[in-house]
N, C-alpha and C. Protein backbone atom coordinates (compact mmCIF):
# COMPACT_ATOMS: atom_id res chain seq x y z
N MET A 1 0.81 -1.20 0.00
CA MET A 1 0.00 0.00 0.00
C MET A 1 0.85 1.27 0.00
N LEU A 2 2.07 1.15 0.49
CA LEU A 2 2.95 2.32 0.51
C LEU A 2 3.25 2.80 -0.92
N ASN A 3 3.28 1.85 -1.86
CA ASN A 3 3.51 2.24 -3.25
C ASN A 3 2.47 3.25 -3.73
N TYR A 4 1.21 3.04 -3.35
CA TYR A 4 0.16 3.96 -3.78
C TYR A 4 0.39 5.36 -3.22
N LEU A 5 0.89 5.45 -2.00
CA LEU A 5 1.21 6.76 -1.42
C LEU A 5 2.31 7.44 -2.22
N TRP A 6 3.38 6.70 -2.54
CA TRP A 6 4.46 7.28 -3.34
C TRP A 6 3.96 7.72 -4.70
N PHE A 7 3.13 6.87 -5.33
CA PHE A 7 2.56 7.22 -6.63
C PHE A 7 1.73 8.49 -6.54
N PHE A 8 0.88 8.57 -5.52
CA PHE A 8 -0.01 9.72 -5.38
C PHE A 8 0.79 11.01 -5.14
N LEU A 9 1.77 10.95 -4.25
CA LEU A 9 2.59 12.13 -3.99
C LEU A 9 3.38 12.54 -5.23
N ALA A 10 3.94 11.55 -5.92
CA ALA A 10 4.67 11.85 -7.16
C ALA A 10 3.74 12.51 -8.17
N ALA A 11 2.52 12.00 -8.28
CA ALA A 11 1.56 12.58 -9.23
C ALA A 11 1.24 14.02 -8.89
N LEU A 12 1.03 14.31 -7.62
CA LEU A 12 0.73 15.69 -7.24
C LEU A 12 1.87 16.63 -7.60
N PHE A 13 3.10 16.20 -7.36
CA PHE A 13 4.24 17.06 -7.70
C PHE A 13 4.44 17.17 -9.21
N GLU A 14 4.17 16.09 -9.94
CA GLU A 14 4.29 16.18 -11.40
C GLU A 14 3.24 17.11 -11.97
N ILE A 15 2.01 16.96 -11.52
CA ILE A 15 0.93 17.83 -12.01
C ILE A 15 1.20 19.28 -11.63
N ALA A 16 1.63 19.52 -10.40
CA ALA A 16 1.92 20.89 -9.97
C ALA A 16 3.05 21.49 -10.80
N GLY A 17 4.08 20.70 -11.07
CA GLY A 17 5.20 21.20 -11.87
C GLY A 17 4.78 21.54 -13.29
N CYS A 18 4.01 20.65 -13.88
CA CYS A 18 3.53 20.91 -15.24
C CYS A 18 2.54 22.08 -15.26
N TYR A 19 1.74 22.18 -14.21
CA TYR A 19 0.76 23.27 -14.13
C TYR A 19 1.47 24.63 -14.04
N ALA A 20 2.62 24.65 -13.38
CA ALA A 20 3.39 25.90 -13.30
C ALA A 20 3.80 26.35 -14.70
N PHE A 21 4.23 25.41 -15.51
CA PHE A 21 4.58 25.76 -16.90
C PHE A 21 3.33 26.16 -17.69
N TRP A 22 2.21 25.50 -17.42
CA TRP A 22 0.93 25.85 -18.05
C TRP A 22 0.57 27.29 -17.71
N MET A 23 0.74 27.64 -16.43
CA MET A 23 0.42 29.01 -16.00
C MET A 23 1.28 30.02 -16.77
N TRP A 24 2.55 29.72 -16.93
CA TRP A 24 3.47 30.63 -17.61
C TRP A 24 3.17 30.70 -19.11
N LEU A 25 3.12 29.54 -19.77
CA LEU A 25 3.05 29.52 -21.23
C LEU A 25 1.63 29.64 -21.79
N ARG A 26 0.64 29.16 -21.06
CA ARG A 26 -0.72 29.18 -21.61
C ARG A 26 -1.58 30.29 -21.02
N LEU A 27 -1.29 30.68 -19.78
CA LEU A 27 -2.12 31.68 -19.12
C LEU A 27 -1.41 33.02 -18.96
N GLY A 28 -0.20 33.12 -19.51
CA GLY A 28 0.50 34.40 -19.51
C GLY A 28 1.01 34.88 -18.17
N LYS A 29 1.20 33.96 -17.23
CA LYS A 29 1.75 34.36 -15.93
C LYS A 29 3.25 34.59 -16.04
N SER A 30 3.85 35.09 -14.98
CA SER A 30 5.26 35.43 -14.95
C SER A 30 6.14 34.20 -15.20
N VAL A 31 7.30 34.44 -15.80
CA VAL A 31 8.28 33.38 -16.02
C VAL A 31 8.76 32.79 -14.69
N TRP A 32 8.56 33.52 -13.61
CA TRP A 32 8.96 33.03 -12.29
C TRP A 32 8.18 31.79 -11.86
N TRP A 33 7.10 31.47 -12.55
CA TRP A 33 6.37 30.22 -12.29
C TRP A 33 7.25 29.01 -12.61
N VAL A 34 8.27 29.19 -13.45
CA VAL A 34 9.12 28.08 -13.85
C VAL A 34 9.92 27.54 -12.65
N ALA A 35 10.39 28.41 -11.77
CA ALA A 35 11.23 27.97 -10.64
C ALA A 35 10.51 26.96 -9.75
N PRO A 36 9.32 27.26 -9.23
CA PRO A 36 8.64 26.23 -8.43
C PRO A 36 8.24 25.02 -9.27
N GLY A 37 8.01 25.25 -10.56
CA GLY A 37 7.69 24.13 -11.45
C GLY A 37 8.84 23.15 -11.54
N LEU A 38 10.05 23.66 -11.71
CA LEU A 38 11.22 22.79 -11.78
C LEU A 38 11.48 22.06 -10.46
N LEU A 39 11.30 22.77 -9.36
CA LEU A 39 11.46 22.13 -8.05
C LEU A 39 10.43 21.01 -7.88
N SER A 40 9.22 21.29 -8.25
CA SER A 40 8.15 20.30 -8.13
C SER A 40 8.42 19.07 -9.00
N LEU A 41 8.90 19.29 -10.23
CA LEU A 41 9.21 18.16 -11.11
C LEU A 41 10.39 17.35 -10.59
N THR A 42 11.33 18.00 -9.94
CA THR A 42 12.45 17.28 -9.33
C THR A 42 11.95 16.40 -8.19
N LEU A 43 11.07 16.94 -7.36
CA LEU A 43 10.50 16.14 -6.26
C LEU A 43 9.69 14.97 -6.81
N PHE A 44 8.97 15.20 -7.89
CA PHE A 44 8.23 14.11 -8.54
C PHE A 44 9.16 12.96 -8.88
N ALA A 45 10.28 13.27 -9.53
CA ALA A 45 11.21 12.22 -9.94
C ALA A 45 11.80 11.49 -8.74
N LEU A 46 12.12 12.23 -7.71
CA LEU A 46 12.68 11.60 -6.51
C LEU A 46 11.64 10.71 -5.82
N LEU A 47 10.41 11.16 -5.73
CA LEU A 47 9.37 10.36 -5.09
C LEU A 47 9.08 9.08 -5.85
N LEU A 48 9.12 9.15 -7.15
CA LEU A 48 8.82 7.96 -7.95
C LEU A 48 9.87 6.87 -7.76
N THR A 49 11.08 7.24 -7.36
CA THR A 49 12.11 6.23 -7.10
C THR A 49 11.86 5.47 -5.81
N ARG A 50 10.93 5.92 -4.98
CA ARG A 50 10.64 5.26 -3.70
C ARG A 50 9.74 4.03 -3.88
N VAL A 51 9.15 3.87 -5.03
CA VAL A 51 8.24 2.76 -5.29
C VAL A 51 9.00 1.45 -5.29
N GLU A 52 8.43 0.45 -4.62
CA GLU A 52 9.02 -0.88 -4.58
C GLU A 52 8.60 -1.64 -5.84
N ALA A 53 9.50 -1.75 -6.78
CA ALA A 53 9.26 -2.49 -8.00
C ALA A 53 10.61 -2.97 -8.52
N ALA A 54 10.62 -4.14 -9.12
CA ALA A 54 11.88 -4.70 -9.61
C ALA A 54 12.40 -3.95 -10.84
N TYR A 55 11.49 -3.34 -11.61
CA TYR A 55 11.89 -2.67 -12.84
C TYR A 55 11.24 -1.30 -12.91
N ALA A 56 12.01 -0.32 -13.36
CA ALA A 56 11.50 1.04 -13.47
C ALA A 56 10.32 1.11 -14.43
N GLY A 57 10.42 0.43 -15.55
CA GLY A 57 9.34 0.47 -16.54
C GLY A 57 8.02 -0.01 -15.98
N ARG A 58 8.06 -1.05 -15.15
CA ARG A 58 6.83 -1.54 -14.53
C ARG A 58 6.28 -0.52 -13.54
N ALA A 59 7.16 0.11 -12.79
CA ALA A 59 6.71 1.13 -11.84
C ALA A 59 6.08 2.30 -12.58
N TYR A 60 6.69 2.72 -13.69
CA TYR A 60 6.14 3.85 -14.45
C TYR A 60 4.80 3.50 -15.08
N ALA A 61 4.68 2.26 -15.55
CA ALA A 61 3.41 1.83 -16.15
C ALA A 61 2.30 1.84 -15.11
N ALA A 62 2.59 1.32 -13.93
CA ALA A 62 1.59 1.30 -12.86
C ALA A 62 1.27 2.72 -12.39
N TYR A 63 2.26 3.58 -12.36
CA TYR A 63 2.08 4.97 -11.94
C TYR A 63 1.04 5.68 -12.80
N GLY A 64 0.96 5.32 -14.07
CA GLY A 64 0.03 5.97 -14.98
C GLY A 64 -1.40 5.96 -14.48
N GLY A 65 -1.83 4.85 -13.91
CA GLY A 65 -3.20 4.76 -13.40
C GLY A 65 -3.45 5.72 -12.24
N ILE A 66 -2.49 5.80 -11.35
CA ILE A 66 -2.63 6.69 -10.19
C ILE A 66 -2.57 8.15 -10.65
N TYR A 67 -1.74 8.42 -11.64
CA TYR A 67 -1.64 9.77 -12.18
C TYR A 67 -2.99 10.25 -12.71
N ILE A 68 -3.72 9.36 -13.34
CA ILE A 68 -5.03 9.73 -13.89
C ILE A 68 -5.98 10.15 -12.78
N VAL A 69 -6.02 9.39 -11.70
CA VAL A 69 -6.89 9.74 -10.57
C VAL A 69 -6.46 11.08 -9.98
N ALA A 70 -5.16 11.27 -9.78
CA ALA A 70 -4.66 12.53 -9.23
C ALA A 70 -5.00 13.70 -10.15
N SER A 71 -4.96 13.48 -11.46
CA SER A 71 -5.31 14.53 -12.41
C SER A 71 -6.77 14.94 -12.28
N LEU A 72 -7.63 13.97 -12.07
CA LEU A 72 -9.06 14.29 -11.90
C LEU A 72 -9.29 15.03 -10.58
N LEU A 73 -8.56 14.65 -9.54
CA LEU A 73 -8.67 15.38 -8.27
C LEU A 73 -8.15 16.81 -8.43
N TRP A 74 -7.07 16.98 -9.19
CA TRP A 74 -6.54 18.32 -9.47
C TRP A 74 -7.60 19.14 -10.21
N LEU A 75 -8.24 18.51 -11.19
CA LEU A 75 -9.30 19.18 -11.95
C LEU A 75 -10.38 19.71 -11.01
N MET A 76 -10.76 18.89 -10.02
CA MET A 76 -11.80 19.29 -9.06
C MET A 76 -11.33 20.38 -8.11
N VAL A 77 -10.19 20.16 -7.49
CA VAL A 77 -9.75 21.03 -6.40
C VAL A 77 -9.14 22.34 -6.91
N VAL A 78 -8.23 22.25 -7.85
CA VAL A 78 -7.50 23.43 -8.30
C VAL A 78 -8.25 24.18 -9.40
N GLU A 79 -8.75 23.41 -10.38
CA GLU A 79 -9.39 24.06 -11.52
C GLU A 79 -10.91 24.20 -11.36
N LYS A 80 -11.41 23.71 -10.23
CA LYS A 80 -12.83 23.88 -9.87
C LYS A 80 -13.79 23.39 -10.98
N THR A 81 -13.45 22.24 -11.58
CA THR A 81 -14.29 21.65 -12.62
C THR A 81 -14.61 20.22 -12.20
N ARG A 82 -15.87 19.87 -12.29
CA ARG A 82 -16.31 18.55 -11.84
C ARG A 82 -16.08 17.48 -12.92
N PRO A 83 -15.32 16.44 -12.59
CA PRO A 83 -15.14 15.35 -13.55
C PRO A 83 -16.48 14.63 -13.79
N LEU A 84 -16.61 14.07 -14.96
CA LEU A 84 -17.81 13.32 -15.32
C LEU A 84 -17.75 11.91 -14.74
N ALA A 85 -18.90 11.26 -14.68
CA ALA A 85 -18.94 9.87 -14.22
C ALA A 85 -18.06 9.00 -15.10
N SER A 86 -18.04 9.27 -16.39
CA SER A 86 -17.20 8.49 -17.30
C SER A 86 -15.71 8.71 -17.01
N ASP A 87 -15.35 9.89 -16.52
CA ASP A 87 -13.96 10.14 -16.12
C ASP A 87 -13.58 9.21 -14.97
N TRP A 88 -14.47 9.11 -13.98
CA TRP A 88 -14.19 8.27 -12.82
C TRP A 88 -14.19 6.79 -13.17
N LEU A 89 -15.07 6.39 -14.06
CA LEU A 89 -15.09 4.99 -14.50
C LEU A 89 -13.76 4.66 -15.20
N GLY A 90 -13.34 5.53 -16.09
CA GLY A 90 -12.06 5.31 -16.76
C GLY A 90 -10.91 5.27 -15.78
N ALA A 91 -10.93 6.15 -14.80
CA ALA A 91 -9.87 6.18 -13.78
C ALA A 91 -9.87 4.88 -12.98
N ALA A 92 -11.04 4.37 -12.62
CA ALA A 92 -11.12 3.12 -11.86
C ALA A 92 -10.53 1.96 -12.67
N LEU A 93 -10.81 1.93 -13.95
CA LEU A 93 -10.24 0.89 -14.81
C LEU A 93 -8.71 1.00 -14.87
N CYS A 94 -8.23 2.24 -14.92
CA CYS A 94 -6.78 2.46 -14.96
C CYS A 94 -6.11 2.03 -13.66
N VAL A 95 -6.74 2.31 -12.52
CA VAL A 95 -6.17 1.90 -11.23
C VAL A 95 -6.17 0.37 -11.13
N ALA A 96 -7.24 -0.26 -11.62
CA ALA A 96 -7.26 -1.74 -11.64
C ALA A 96 -6.11 -2.26 -12.48
N GLY A 97 -5.90 -1.66 -13.64
CA GLY A 97 -4.79 -2.07 -14.50
C GLY A 97 -3.44 -1.81 -13.84
N ALA A 98 -3.31 -0.68 -13.19
CA ALA A 98 -2.06 -0.36 -12.49
C ALA A 98 -1.77 -1.38 -11.40
N SER A 99 -2.80 -1.80 -10.68
CA SER A 99 -2.62 -2.79 -9.61
C SER A 99 -2.19 -4.14 -10.18
N ILE A 100 -2.79 -4.51 -11.31
CA ILE A 100 -2.39 -5.77 -11.95
C ILE A 100 -0.94 -5.71 -12.38
N ILE A 101 -0.54 -4.60 -12.97
CA ILE A 101 0.85 -4.44 -13.42
C ILE A 101 1.82 -4.52 -12.23
N LEU A 102 1.49 -3.84 -11.16
CA LEU A 102 2.41 -3.75 -10.03
C LEU A 102 2.42 -5.01 -9.17
N PHE A 103 1.26 -5.62 -8.95
CA PHE A 103 1.16 -6.72 -8.00
C PHE A 103 0.82 -8.07 -8.63
N GLY A 104 0.69 -8.11 -9.93
CA GLY A 104 0.33 -9.35 -10.60
C GLY A 104 1.40 -10.42 -10.43
N PRO A 105 1.02 -11.67 -10.70
CA PRO A 105 1.98 -12.77 -10.54
C PRO A 105 3.14 -12.63 -11.53
N ARG A 106 4.29 -13.06 -11.09
CA ARG A 106 5.49 -13.04 -11.91
C ARG A 106 5.88 -14.48 -12.21
N PHE A 107 6.07 -14.75 -13.46
CA PHE A 107 6.46 -16.09 -13.88
C PHE A 107 7.90 -16.06 -14.38
N SER A 108 8.66 -17.05 -13.98
CA SER A 108 10.05 -17.16 -14.44
C SER A 108 10.09 -17.87 -15.78
N PRO A 109 10.94 -17.41 -16.68
CA PRO A 109 11.04 -18.12 -17.97
C PRO A 109 11.63 -19.51 -17.73
N SER A 110 11.14 -20.48 -18.47
CA SER A 110 11.60 -21.87 -18.28
C SER A 110 12.95 -22.10 -18.89
């Protein structure tokens, strides 16, 4: 379960970092938005390394599902827009897939 915490925290920092660039480049805010954006993206990368997984690619694949849920929460809390039921259904399917990727059985080649 600790993996989900690392994924969620990493997602928040990744979204915040990217949002800082969005604020600068898409919404015309000050270039100074880049500094906290870069710090946030650095923390994202560091947090993602805390995930217990044998392979980075598998951890990143599983992270994708959690990132989707965090993005919908960001949409609600920061951007004040309500996700649709279909958004949540899609997110639930992604989290199920992420769980299978991260915790599914591992078979050794014969």
